[in-house]
Amino acid sequence: MFIEESEWIKSVLKKIKPYPSNNKVGNLGSSSEEFRKVYQPHIQKNIIEVLENDGWNVIHIDFKNDNGVDIVGDLTQENFGNNLKNEYALTICTNMLEHVLDIPLVVNNLMKITAEGGYILLTVPYKYKIHYDPIDNGFRPTPDEIIQLFTPQKIEVIDKTIISIKDKSYYREKKSKFPLWGKREIFAYHLGIYFKVSGVLLKKI
């Protein structure tokens, strides 16, 4: 996750508050505690701590059993969440839809585990290179294209945006036998051609 992406998430989370009857957050694809706190500390600072300070109870969910993962489960399986139906007042799924084979199935699972009246926060790269983890399906949607994955009668759009990544540290020179080709990210940055991420906050109705 990019730093500026986490800052947008921080700002949009201010628009919602936990319900007295349900303060659970399902953080899908959470990775390990070390990843969130050490490798990408902006996730902890701008998202996890913000949520916890607002009274949310964050449950970290990942398909890998690792330190800091509360529930081991695979969002890409049809039976995912059968025991978690309507469980979470807020479901977060960032930078995942480009790494799955069956996007409609994942969307259905997100709806399954989100409580009625709850929220779904999604981010997906919009302008970004192919990156395998372990696959990249090439999905690079606009916010509206993410929204179209959901049944219109079942969601309300709270926020949508395209985040431009202007932090220079993300644009690197790559090893290449063609020196100028290895500098293409840096050239693009100086030309104002930035990586971009689509983000949406939806309400299940």
Foldseek 3Di string as FASTA:
>chain_A
DALLVLQVVLVLPVVDAADPVAQEEEEEQQPAPCCCCPVPVSNCVSPVVSSVVRPHDYAYEYCDDYHHHRHHDDLQDQCPCVVQFQPHLEYEDEAPCQAHDDNLSSVVSSNRNHHAQGKYKYKHWQADDFDPPPHGNPDRDALVVVVVSDDVVFKDWPDKDKGFRLPLVVQDFDDDPPRVVSNVSVVCSVVVNTTIMIITMMTTD
